[in-house]
Amino acid sequence: MTEEPVSFKAGGLTLEGRFALPAAKAAVRGAVVCHPHPLYGGSMDNNVVAAILDALWAADFATLRFNFRGVGRSEGMHGGGTAEIDDVAAAVRFIGTQAGVRPGDIVLAGYSFGARVALSAAAGIPEVATVIAVALPVSMMEPPSMAGWNKPLVLVAGDRDSFCSVRDIEAFHLQVTPHPMLKLIAGADHFFAGFERELSEQVGQTIKSAGSA
């Protein structure tokens, strides 16, 4: 899949991203992918972000990966996970206005910090239909409130992840109604080094199982 550099506005800031559209496809679904924590080296060039994109491209999604405020060429400063909710909303609006992308019905995916921000943002963005949260850091920080949650949610984690332990992600899974789909990848830790292919395959399978393709 060929990506092209793009920029879009989030309030008064300009954020950078990369957009990809399947060739010879009409009115495809769109997906936005959110990267891990900016203060720990997270950016849109992360290995897990790439693995998620591979799964989405195989399912013929148009995709937008982007850098949160203060990362790379994106303007502004890190907002502690709160200001970044506006970045996600802006990214969803941007992809929804691109030629060849169906408006609305957007998949929002995120990894670690990006998964938490995606969950925090999704309830307030009507265009988001499904959320894929990879390695949601429930053992490291309080997850967002899921009161009134009414969108399909897919949780994916490694079974050796100390920031998203099996015990804690299973407990979170049971707190959400209706219960999300939960998939665990044997042997993988929080960073999925050496498990990118398994992660991509699992995300691809969950997209199909959740009726998101």
C-alpha atoms as a PDB file:
ATOM      1  CA  MET A   1       0.000   0.000   0.000  1.00  0.00           C
ATOM      2  CA  THR A   2       1.320   3.431  -0.928  1.00  0.00           C
ATOM      3  CA  GLU A   3       0.990   6.151   1.697  1.00  0.00           C
ATOM      4  CA  GLU A   4       1.180   9.864   0.998  1.00  0.00           C
ATOM      5  CA  PRO A   5       2.136  12.554   3.505  1.00  0.00           C
ATOM      6  CA  VAL A   6      -0.772  14.727   4.632  1.00  0.00           C
ATOM      7  CA  SER A   7      -1.471  17.427   7.187  1.00  0.00           C
ATOM      8  CA  PHE A   8      -4.676  18.469   8.915  1.00  0.00           C
ATOM      9  CA  LYS A   9      -5.853  20.873  11.589  1.00  0.00           C
ATOM     10  CA  ALA A  10      -6.650  20.014  15.205  1.00  0.00           C
ATOM     11  CA  GLY A  11      -7.917  23.296  16.577  1.00  0.00           C
ATOM     12  CA  GLY A  12      -5.145  25.794  15.945  1.00  0.00           C
ATOM     13  CA  LEU A  13      -2.468  23.129  15.440  1.00  0.00           C
ATOM     14  CA  THR A  14      -1.313  21.419  12.268  1.00  0.00           C
ATOM     15  CA  LEU A  15      -0.688  17.684  12.619  1.00  0.00           C
ATOM     16  CA  GLU A  16       1.221  15.460  10.226  1.00  0.00           C
ATOM     17  CA  GLY A  17       0.099  12.072   9.012  1.00  0.00           C
ATOM     18  CA  ARG A  18       0.235   9.537   6.234  1.00  0.00           C
ATOM     19  CA  PHE A  19      -2.857   8.527   4.261  1.00  0.00           C
ATOM     20  CA  ALA A  20      -3.343   5.411   2.130  1.00  0.00           C
ATOM     21  CA  LEU A  21      -6.215   4.564  -0.214  1.00  0.00           C
ATOM     22  CA  PRO A  22      -6.618   1.145  -1.884  1.00  0.00           C
ATOM     23  CA  ALA A  23      -6.209   1.288  -5.655  1.00  0.00           C
ATOM     24  CA  ALA A  24      -9.264   0.761  -7.865  1.00  0.00           C
ATOM     25  CA  LYS A  25     -11.625   0.611  -4.895  1.00  0.00           C
ATOM     26  CA  ALA A  26     -14.782   2.710  -4.613  1.00  0.00           C
ATOM     27  CA  ALA A  27     -16.185   3.971  -1.325  1.00  0.00           C
ATOM     28  CA  VAL A  28     -13.970   1.980   1.045  1.00  0.00           C
ATOM     29  CA  ARG A  29     -14.122   2.111   4.826  1.00  0.00           C
ATOM     30  CA  GLY A  30     -11.634   4.287   6.656  1.00  0.00           C
ATOM     31  CA  ALA A  31      -9.471   3.599   9.695  1.00  0.00           C
ATOM     32  CA  VAL A  32      -7.394   5.862  11.924  1.00  0.00           C
ATOM     33  CA  VAL A  33      -4.445   4.420  13.877  1.00  0.00           C
ATOM     34  CA  CYS A  34      -3.093   6.086  17.045  1.00  0.00           C
ATOM     35  CA  HIS A  35       0.493   5.619  18.210  1.00  0.00           C
ATOM     36  CA  PRO A  36       1.961   4.884  21.680  1.00  0.00           C
ATOM     37  CA  HIS A  37       3.131   7.328  24.345  1.00  0.00           C
ATOM     38  CA  PRO A  38       4.984  10.372  22.951  1.00  0.00           C
ATOM     39  CA  LEU A  39       7.082  10.805  26.084  1.00  0.00           C
ATOM     40  CA  TYR A  40       8.527   7.307  25.679  1.00  0.00           C
ATOM     41  CA  GLY A  41       9.471   7.591  22.023  1.00  0.00           C
ATOM     42  CA  GLY A  42       6.065   6.761  20.554  1.00  0.00           C
ATOM     43  CA  SER A  43       5.284   7.937  17.032  1.00  0.00           C
ATOM     44  CA  MET A  44       3.378   6.871  13.939  1.00  0.00           C
ATOM     45  CA  ASP A  45       6.498   4.945  12.823  1.00  0.00           C
ATOM     46  CA  ASN A  46       6.069   2.354  15.578  1.00  0.00           C
ATOM     47  CA  ASN A  47       6.275  -1.400  14.800  1.00  0.00           C
ATOM     48  CA  VAL A  48       2.854  -2.126  16.317  1.00  0.00           C
ATOM     49  CA  VAL A  49       1.242   0.691  14.341  1.00  0.00           C
ATOM     50  CA  ALA A  50       2.759  -0.874  11.201  1.00  0.00           C
ATOM     51  CA  ALA A  51       1.386  -4.309  12.112  1.00  0.00           C
ATOM     52  CA  ILE A  52      -2.122  -2.881  12.616  1.00  0.00           C
ATOM     53  CA  LEU A  53      -1.878  -1.096   9.270  1.00  0.00           C
ATOM     54  CA  ASP A  54      -0.871  -4.316   7.508  1.00  0.00           C
ATOM     55  CA  ALA A  55      -4.085  -5.955   8.739  1.00  0.00           C
ATOM     56  CA  LEU A  56      -6.220  -2.995   7.685  1.00  0.00           C
ATOM     57  CA  TRP A  57      -4.631  -2.841   4.230  1.00  0.00           C
ATOM     58  CA  ALA A  58      -5.207  -6.554   3.720  1.00  0.00           C
ATOM     59  CA  ALA A  59      -8.899  -5.860   4.413  1.00  0.00           C
ATOM     60  CA  ASP A  60      -8.943  -2.979   1.866  1.00  0.00           C
ATOM     61  CA  PHE A  61      -9.302  -0.125   4.335  1.00  0.00           C
ATOM     62  CA  ALA A  62      -8.191   3.408   3.639  1.00  0.00           C
ATOM     63  CA  THR A  63      -5.938   4.374   6.534  1.00  0.00           C
ATOM     64  CA  LEU A  64      -4.593   7.413   8.323  1.00  0.00           C
ATOM     65  CA  ARG A  65      -1.731   7.198  10.765  1.00  0.00           C
ATOM     66  CA  PHE A  66      -0.668  10.455  12.358  1.00  0.00           C
ATOM     67  CA  ASN A  67       1.590  11.979  14.985  1.00  0.00           C
ATOM     68  CA  PHE A  68      -0.030  13.388  18.084  1.00  0.00           C
ATOM     69  CA  ARG A  69       0.673  17.026  18.944  1.00  0.00           C
ATOM     70  CA  GLY A  70       4.314  17.636  19.791  1.00  0.00           C
ATOM     71  CA  VAL A  71       5.573  14.554  17.933  1.00  0.00           C
ATOM     72  CA  GLY A  72       7.627  14.737  14.735  1.00  0.00           C
ATOM     73  CA  ARG A  73       6.379  17.617  12.598  1.00  0.00           C
ATOM     74  CA  SER A  74       3.062  17.906  14.432  1.00  0.00           C
ATOM     75  CA  GLU A  75       2.731  21.250  16.163  1.00  0.00           C
ATOM     76  CA  GLY A  76       2.035  21.834  19.837  1.00  0.00           C
ATOM     77  CA  MET A  77       3.030  20.050  23.039  1.00  0.00           C
ATOM     78  CA  HIS A  78       2.093  16.772  24.688  1.00  0.00           C
ATOM     79  CA  GLY A  79      -1.308  17.155  26.320  1.00  0.00           C
ATOM     80  CA  GLY A  80      -1.249  14.330  28.862  1.00  0.00           C
ATOM     81  CA  GLY A  81      -3.763  12.245  26.926  1.00  0.00           C
ATOM     82  CA  THR A  82      -6.549  14.819  27.263  1.00  0.00           C
ATOM     83  CA  ALA A  83      -5.670  17.293  24.524  1.00  0.00           C
ATOM     84  CA  GLU A  84      -4.908  14.325  22.268  1.00  0.00           C
ATOM     85  CA  ILE A  85      -8.613  13.488  22.221  1.00  0.00           C
ATOM     86  CA  ASP A  86      -9.007  16.541  19.971  1.00  0.00           C
ATOM     87  CA  ASP A  87      -6.245  15.164  17.726  1.00  0.00           C
ATOM     88  CA  VAL A  88      -8.161  11.913  17.295  1.00  0.00           C
ATOM     89  CA  ALA A  89     -11.409  13.715  16.505  1.00  0.00           C
ATOM     90  CA  ALA A  90      -9.599  15.829  13.912  1.00  0.00           C
ATOM     91  CA  ALA A  91      -8.024  12.744  12.332  1.00  0.00           C
ATOM     92  CA  VAL A  92     -11.415  11.032  12.047  1.00  0.00           C
ATOM     93  CA  ARG A  93     -12.915  14.139  10.449  1.00  0.00           C
ATOM     94  CA  PHE A  94     -10.007  14.348   8.003  1.00  0.00           C
ATOM     95  CA  ILE A  95     -10.196  10.760   6.746  1.00  0.00           C
ATOM     96  CA  GLY A  96     -13.970  10.988   6.480  1.00  0.00           C
ATOM     97  CA  THR A  97     -13.669  13.845   3.986  1.00  0.00           C
ATOM     98  CA  GLN A  98     -11.197  12.121   1.660  1.00  0.00           C
ATOM     99  CA  ALA A  99     -12.378  11.114  -1.815  1.00  0.00           C
ATOM    100  CA  GLY A 100     -12.935   7.376  -2.023  1.00  0.00           C
ATOM    101  CA  VAL A 101     -13.629   6.963   1.700  1.00  0.00           C
ATOM    102  CA  ARG A 102     -17.120   6.252   2.972  1.00  0.00           C
ATOM    103  CA  PRO A 103     -18.170   9.002   5.390  1.00  0.00           C
ATOM    104  CA  GLY A 104     -18.836   7.702   8.874  1.00  0.00           C
ATOM    105  CA  ASP A 105     -18.394   4.017   9.770  1.00  0.00           C
ATOM    106  CA  ILE A 106     -14.758   4.620  10.762  1.00  0.00           C
ATOM    107  CA  VAL A 107     -12.585   2.081  12.594  1.00  0.00           C
ATOM    108  CA  LEU A 108     -10.434   3.694  15.282  1.00  0.00           C
ATOM    109  CA  ALA A 109      -7.393   1.678  16.361  1.00  0.00           C
ATOM    110  CA  GLY A 110      -4.718   2.481  18.905  1.00  0.00           C
ATOM    111  CA  TYR A 111      -1.744   0.936  20.658  1.00  0.00           C
ATOM    112  CA  SER A 112      -0.967   1.461  24.365  1.00  0.00           C
ATOM    113  CA  PHE A 113      -1.338   5.202  25.073  1.00  0.00           C
ATOM    114  CA  GLY A 114      -2.970   5.480  21.644  1.00  0.00           C
ATOM    115  CA  ALA A 115      -5.491   2.803  22.624  1.00  0.00           C
ATOM    116  CA  ARG A 116      -6.418   4.703  25.770  1.00  0.00           C
ATOM    117  CA  VAL A 117      -6.839   7.988  23.898  1.00  0.00           C
ATOM    118  CA  ALA A 118      -8.859   6.228  21.199  1.00  0.00           C
ATOM    119  CA  LEU A 119     -11.236   4.811  23.818  1.00  0.00           C
ATOM    120  CA  SER A 120     -11.543   8.184  25.532  1.00  0.00           C
ATOM    121  CA  ALA A 121     -12.336   9.879  22.223  1.00  0.00           C
ATOM    122  CA  ALA A 122     -14.565   7.322  20.522  1.00  0.00           C
ATOM    123  CA  ALA A 123     -17.751   7.800  22.524  1.00  0.00           C
ATOM    124  CA  GLY A 124     -17.881  11.456  21.483  1.00  0.00           C
ATOM    125  CA  ILE A 125     -17.244  10.850  17.770  1.00  0.00           C
ATOM    126  CA  PRO A 126     -20.386   9.587  16.001  1.00  0.00           C
ATOM    127  CA  GLU A 127     -18.400   8.631  12.896  1.00  0.00           C
ATOM    128  CA  VAL A 128     -16.453   5.979  14.840  1.00  0.00           C
ATOM    129  CA  ALA A 129     -18.178   2.639  14.475  1.00  0.00           C
ATOM    130  CA  THR A 130     -15.607   0.215  15.942  1.00  0.00           C
ATOM    131  CA  VAL A 131     -12.566   0.520  18.213  1.00  0.00           C
ATOM    132  CA  ILE A 132      -9.535  -1.788  18.247  1.00  0.00           C
ATOM    133  CA  ALA A 133      -7.446  -1.328  21.407  1.00  0.00           C
ATOM    134  CA  VAL A 134      -4.061  -3.066  21.344  1.00  0.00           C
ATOM    135  CA  ALA A 135      -2.211  -3.401  24.673  1.00  0.00           C
ATOM    136  CA  LEU A 136      -4.506  -1.004  26.508  1.00  0.00           C
ATOM    137  CA  PRO A 137      -2.289  -0.077  29.520  1.00  0.00           C
ATOM    138  CA  VAL A 138      -4.832  -0.992  32.196  1.00  0.00           C
ATOM    139  CA  SER A 139      -2.097  -2.127  34.619  1.00  0.00           C
ATOM    140  CA  MET A 140      -0.261   1.191  34.315  1.00  0.00           C
ATOM    141  CA  MET A 141      -3.038   3.791  34.350  1.00  0.00           C
ATOM    142  CA  GLU A 142      -6.751   3.996  35.077  1.00  0.00           C
ATOM    143  CA  PRO A 143      -8.759   3.131  31.949  1.00  0.00           C
ATOM    144  CA  PRO A 144     -11.341   5.626  30.725  1.00  0.00           C
ATOM    145  CA  SER A 145     -14.912   5.359  31.945  1.00  0.00           C
ATOM    146  CA  MET A 146     -16.955   3.004  29.792  1.00  0.00           C
ATOM    147  CA  ALA A 147     -20.354   4.067  31.152  1.00  0.00           C
ATOM    148  CA  GLY A 148     -22.865   4.095  28.332  1.00  0.00           C
ATOM    149  CA  TRP A 149     -20.464   2.482  25.876  1.00  0.00           C
ATOM    150  CA  ASN A 150     -22.363   1.262  22.800  1.00  0.00           C
ATOM    151  CA  LYS A 151     -19.787   0.555  20.074  1.00  0.00           C
ATOM    152  CA  PRO A 152     -18.109  -2.722  19.094  1.00  0.00           C
ATOM    153  CA  LEU A 153     -14.747  -2.974  20.874  1.00  0.00           C
ATOM    154  CA  VAL A 154     -11.879  -5.365  20.211  1.00  0.00           C
ATOM    155  CA  LEU A 155      -9.147  -5.822  22.840  1.00  0.00           C
ATOM    156  CA  VAL A 156      -5.839  -7.410  21.807  1.00  0.00           C
ATOM    157  CA  ALA A 157      -2.921  -8.028  24.181  1.00  0.00           C
ATOM    158  CA  GLY A 158       0.108 -10.221  24.742  1.00  0.00           C
ATOM    159  CA  ASP A 159      -0.112 -12.676  27.605  1.00  0.00           C
ATOM    160  CA  ARG A 160       3.281 -11.490  28.966  1.00  0.00           C
ATOM    161  CA  ASP A 161       2.456  -7.787  29.012  1.00  0.00           C
ATOM    162  CA  SER A 162       3.265  -6.208  32.387  1.00  0.00           C
ATOM    163  CA  PHE A 163       1.501  -2.952  31.422  1.00  0.00           C
ATOM    164  CA  CYS A 164      -1.625  -4.821  30.316  1.00  0.00           C
ATOM    165  CA  SER A 165      -1.651  -7.977  32.403  1.00  0.00           C
ATOM    166  CA  VAL A 166      -4.002 -10.823  31.552  1.00  0.00           C
ATOM    167  CA  ARG A 167      -5.699 -10.431  34.923  1.00  0.00           C
ATOM    168  CA  ASP A 168      -6.310  -6.707  34.478  1.00  0.00           C
ATOM    169  CA  ILE A 169      -7.414  -6.801  30.841  1.00  0.00           C
ATOM    170  CA  GLU A 170      -9.796  -9.672  31.601  1.00  0.00           C
ATOM    171  CA  ALA A 171     -11.247  -7.678  34.503  1.00  0.00           C
ATOM    172  CA  PHE A 172     -11.675  -4.629  32.254  1.00  0.00           C
ATOM    173  CA  HIS A 173     -13.276  -6.837  29.596  1.00  0.00           C
ATOM    174  CA  LEU A 174     -15.898  -7.999  32.104  1.00  0.00           C
ATOM    175  CA  GLN A 175     -16.645  -4.418  33.195  1.00  0.00           C
ATOM    176  CA  VAL A 176     -17.700  -3.320  29.717  1.00  0.00           C
ATOM    177  CA  THR A 177     -21.240  -4.058  28.552  1.00  0.00           C
ATOM    178  CA  PRO A 178     -21.687  -5.515  26.028  1.00  0.00           C
ATOM    179  CA  HIS A 179     -18.458  -7.444  26.591  1.00  0.00           C
ATOM    180  CA  PRO A 180     -15.767  -6.659  24.006  1.00  0.00           C
ATOM    181  CA  MET A 181     -13.984  -9.265  21.951  1.00  0.00           C
ATOM    182  CA  LEU A 182     -10.729 -10.173  23.773  1.00  0.00           C
ATOM    183  CA  LYS A 183      -7.784 -11.844  22.038  1.00  0.00           C
ATOM    184  CA  LEU A 184      -4.518 -12.797  23.755  1.00  0.00           C
ATOM    185  CA  ILE A 185      -1.287 -13.491  21.865  1.00  0.00           C
ATOM    186  CA  ALA A 186       0.823 -16.164  23.554  1.00  0.00           C
ATOM    187  CA  GLY A 187       4.383 -15.140  24.358  1.00  0.00           C
ATOM    188  CA  ALA A 188       4.057 -11.465  23.421  1.00  0.00           C
ATOM    189  CA  ASP A 189       4.887  -8.645  25.820  1.00  0.00           C
ATOM    190  CA  HIS A 190       3.830  -4.993  25.605  1.00  0.00           C
ATOM    191  CA  PHE A 191       6.085  -4.215  22.661  1.00  0.00           C
ATOM    192  CA  PHE A 192       5.264  -7.241  20.431  1.00  0.00           C
ATOM    193  CA  ALA A 193       8.877  -7.508  19.223  1.00  0.00           C
ATOM    194  CA  GLY A 194       9.029 -10.661  17.109  1.00  0.00           C
ATOM    195  CA  PHE A 195       5.245 -11.009  17.268  1.00  0.00           C
ATOM    196  CA  GLU A 196       4.263  -8.396  14.692  1.00  0.00           C
ATOM    197  CA  ARG A 197       2.996 -11.010  12.243  1.00  0.00           C
ATOM    198  CA  GLU A 198       0.869 -12.733  14.884  1.00  0.00           C
ATOM    199  CA  LEU A 199      -0.530  -9.362  15.944  1.00  0.00           C
ATOM    200  CA  SER A 200      -1.390  -8.404  12.372  1.00  0.00           C
ATOM    201  CA  GLU A 201      -3.114 -11.758  11.803  1.00  0.00           C
ATOM    202  CA  GLN A 202      -5.076 -11.418  15.037  1.00  0.00           C
ATOM    203  CA  VAL A 203      -6.208  -7.885  14.204  1.00  0.00           C
ATOM    204  CA  GLY A 204      -7.235  -9.057  10.729  1.00  0.00           C
ATOM    205  CA  GLN A 205      -9.259 -11.923  12.157  1.00  0.00           C
ATOM    206  CA  THR A 206     -10.982  -9.715  14.702  1.00  0.00           C
ATOM    207  CA  ILE A 207     -11.911  -7.181  12.035  1.00  0.00           C
ATOM    208  CA  LYS A 208     -13.723  -9.939  10.155  1.00  0.00           C
ATOM    209  CA  SER A 209     -15.253 -11.467  13.286  1.00  0.00           C
ATOM    210  CA  ALA A 210     -16.541  -8.097  14.453  1.00  0.00           C
ATOM    211  CA  GLY A 211     -18.101  -7.455  11.058  1.00  0.00           C
ATOM    212  CA  SER A 212     -15.823  -4.486  10.476  1.00  0.00           C
ATOM    213  CA  ALA A 213     -14.572  -5.403   7.003  1.00  0.00           C
END
